Amino acid sequence: MTQIILEMDPGAMSALRKGPDELAEEIKTAAVVQWYAEGRVSQSKGAEILGVSRSRFLDELYRRKVPAVQTDIDMLREELACLTD
C-alpha cells in the first residue's frame, strides 16, 4: 500500500482531539467524500478506497451532508428522454 506523509502542527491534532491514526483516517475519508462530490469517483470506488461497504459510504455521505445522487438537470433530461422514446 502506498503511504503519503503529511506534516501537521501538533496543535491541529490537539484542536481536533484526534490522535495521528484517527486524524489520518479522517483526512482520507474527507478526501474521498470530496472526490465523490466532484464526480471524480463513484460510490463503489469511494467505498473501495475507504475499505467499507457501499452502505457505509452512503452513511458517510449523509453524515457529511453530501448528496448521494450526483446528477444535473441535463443528465436527468437525457435519462427521461430515453424512457419516452
C-alpha atoms as a PDB file:
ATOM      1  CA  MET A   1       0.000   0.000   0.000  1.00  0.00           C
ATOM      2  CA  THR A   2       1.265   3.480  -0.839  1.00  0.00           C
ATOM      3  CA  GLN A   3       1.829   5.855   2.043  1.00  0.00           C
ATOM      4  CA  ILE A   4       1.595   9.621   1.885  1.00  0.00           C
ATOM      5  CA  ILE A   5       3.326  11.626   4.574  1.00  0.00           C
ATOM      6  CA  LEU A   6       1.556  14.785   5.699  1.00  0.00           C
ATOM      7  CA  GLU A   7       3.222  17.102   8.147  1.00  0.00           C
ATOM      8  CA  MET A   8       0.881  18.850  10.569  1.00  0.00           C
ATOM      9  CA  ASP A   9       1.382  21.107  13.508  1.00  0.00           C
ATOM     10  CA  PRO A  10       0.713  19.201  16.736  1.00  0.00           C
ATOM     11  CA  GLY A  11      -1.812  21.917  17.586  1.00  0.00           C
ATOM     12  CA  ALA A  12      -4.072  20.657  14.777  1.00  0.00           C
ATOM     13  CA  MET A  13      -4.397  17.236  16.384  1.00  0.00           C
ATOM     14  CA  SER A  14      -4.955  18.855  19.738  1.00  0.00           C
ATOM     15  CA  ALA A  15      -7.650  21.174  18.367  1.00  0.00           C
ATOM     16  CA  LEU A  16      -9.419  18.285  16.646  1.00  0.00           C
ATOM     17  CA  ARG A  17      -8.919  15.997  19.658  1.00  0.00           C
ATOM     18  CA  LYS A  18      -7.630  13.190  17.471  1.00  0.00           C
ATOM     19  CA  GLY A  19      -4.509  11.101  17.541  1.00  0.00           C
ATOM     20  CA  PRO A  20      -2.363  10.583  14.444  1.00  0.00           C
ATOM     21  CA  ASP A  21      -4.161   7.432  13.271  1.00  0.00           C
ATOM     22  CA  GLU A  22      -7.620   8.911  13.794  1.00  0.00           C
ATOM     23  CA  LEU A  23      -6.643  12.127  12.035  1.00  0.00           C
ATOM     24  CA  ALA A  24      -5.164  10.197   9.098  1.00  0.00           C
ATOM     25  CA  GLU A  25      -8.421   8.257   8.705  1.00  0.00           C
ATOM     26  CA  GLU A  26     -10.454  11.470   8.950  1.00  0.00           C
ATOM     27  CA  ILE A  27      -8.351  13.154   6.258  1.00  0.00           C
ATOM     28  CA  LYS A  28      -8.613  10.120   3.968  1.00  0.00           C
ATOM     29  CA  THR A  29     -12.382   9.954   4.397  1.00  0.00           C
ATOM     30  CA  ALA A  30     -12.770  13.692   3.807  1.00  0.00           C
ATOM     31  CA  ALA A  31     -10.712  13.453   0.613  1.00  0.00           C
ATOM     32  CA  VAL A  32     -12.706  10.534  -0.796  1.00  0.00           C
ATOM     33  CA  VAL A  33     -16.041  12.198   0.033  1.00  0.00           C
ATOM     34  CA  GLN A  34     -14.833  15.368  -1.693  1.00  0.00           C
ATOM     35  CA  TRP A  35     -13.736  13.390  -4.754  1.00  0.00           C
ATOM     36  CA  TYR A  36     -17.194  11.818  -4.876  1.00  0.00           C
ATOM     37  CA  ALA A  37     -18.862  15.240  -4.584  1.00  0.00           C
ATOM     38  CA  GLU A  38     -16.713  16.435  -7.502  1.00  0.00           C
ATOM     39  CA  GLY A  39     -17.717  13.396  -9.586  1.00  0.00           C
ATOM     40  CA  ARG A  40     -14.160  12.046  -9.662  1.00  0.00           C
ATOM     41  CA  VAL A  41     -15.025   8.690  -8.052  1.00  0.00           C
ATOM     42  CA  SER A  42     -18.194   6.599  -7.913  1.00  0.00           C
ATOM     43  CA  GLN A  43     -19.905   5.360  -4.762  1.00  0.00           C
ATOM     44  CA  SER A  44     -18.428   1.920  -5.340  1.00  0.00           C
ATOM     45  CA  LYS A  45     -14.910   3.258  -5.862  1.00  0.00           C
ATOM     46  CA  GLY A  46     -15.207   5.566  -2.848  1.00  0.00           C
ATOM     47  CA  ALA A  47     -16.264   2.653  -0.664  1.00  0.00           C
ATOM     48  CA  GLU A  48     -13.443   0.529  -2.062  1.00  0.00           C
ATOM     49  CA  ILE A  49     -10.801   3.204  -1.368  1.00  0.00           C
ATOM     50  CA  LEU A  50     -12.026   3.528   2.215  1.00  0.00           C
ATOM     51  CA  GLY A  51     -12.350  -0.225   2.702  1.00  0.00           C
ATOM     52  CA  VAL A  52     -16.025  -0.008   3.703  1.00  0.00           C
ATOM     53  CA  SER A  53     -19.307  -1.254   2.284  1.00  0.00           C
ATOM     54  CA  ARG A  54     -21.223   0.907  -0.140  1.00  0.00           C
ATOM     55  CA  SER A  55     -23.922   1.245   2.502  1.00  0.00           C
ATOM     56  CA  ARG A  56     -21.355   2.577   4.988  1.00  0.00           C
ATOM     57  CA  PHE A  57     -20.083   5.009   2.346  1.00  0.00           C
ATOM     58  CA  LEU A  58     -23.647   6.265   1.796  1.00  0.00           C
ATOM     59  CA  ASP A  59     -23.962   6.741   5.565  1.00  0.00           C
ATOM     60  CA  GLU A  60     -20.778   8.831   5.494  1.00  0.00           C
ATOM     61  CA  LEU A  61     -22.139  10.968   2.637  1.00  0.00           C
ATOM     62  CA  TYR A  62     -25.302  11.556   4.655  1.00  0.00           C
ATOM     63  CA  ARG A  63     -23.314  12.421   7.772  1.00  0.00           C
ATOM     64  CA  ARG A  64     -21.297  14.971   5.804  1.00  0.00           C
ATOM     65  CA  LYS A  65     -24.395  16.340   4.024  1.00  0.00           C
ATOM     66  CA  VAL A  66     -23.173  15.336   0.554  1.00  0.00           C
ATOM     67  CA  PRO A  67     -25.975  14.286  -1.826  1.00  0.00           C
ATOM     68  CA  ALA A  68     -25.763  10.601  -2.702  1.00  0.00           C
ATOM     69  CA  VAL A  69     -27.173  11.242  -6.177  1.00  0.00           C
ATOM     70  CA  GLN A  70     -24.745  13.171  -8.331  1.00  0.00           C
ATOM     71  CA  THR A  71     -26.663  14.307 -11.406  1.00  0.00           C
ATOM     72  CA  ASP A  72     -27.589  17.566 -13.037  1.00  0.00           C
ATOM     73  CA  ILE A  73     -30.729  18.633 -14.869  1.00  0.00           C
ATOM     74  CA  ASP A  74     -29.273  17.899 -18.325  1.00  0.00           C
ATOM     75  CA  MET A  75     -28.343  14.342 -17.367  1.00  0.00           C
ATOM     76  CA  LEU A  76     -31.815  13.842 -15.907  1.00  0.00           C
ATOM     77  CA  ARG A  77     -33.442  15.127 -19.101  1.00  0.00           C
ATOM     78  CA  GLU A  78     -31.368  12.677 -21.149  1.00  0.00           C
ATOM     79  CA  GLU A  79     -32.456   9.799 -18.944  1.00  0.00           C
ATOM     80  CA  LEU A  80     -36.105  10.834 -19.161  1.00  0.00           C
ATOM     81  CA  ALA A  81     -35.872  11.206 -22.956  1.00  0.00           C
ATOM     82  CA  CYS A  82     -34.682   7.601 -23.212  1.00  0.00           C
ATOM     83  CA  LEU A  83     -37.734   6.471 -21.289  1.00  0.00           C
ATOM     84  CA  THR A  84     -40.198   8.304 -23.531  1.00  0.00           C
ATOM     85  CA  ASP A  85     -38.679   7.236 -26.889  1.00  0.00           C
END
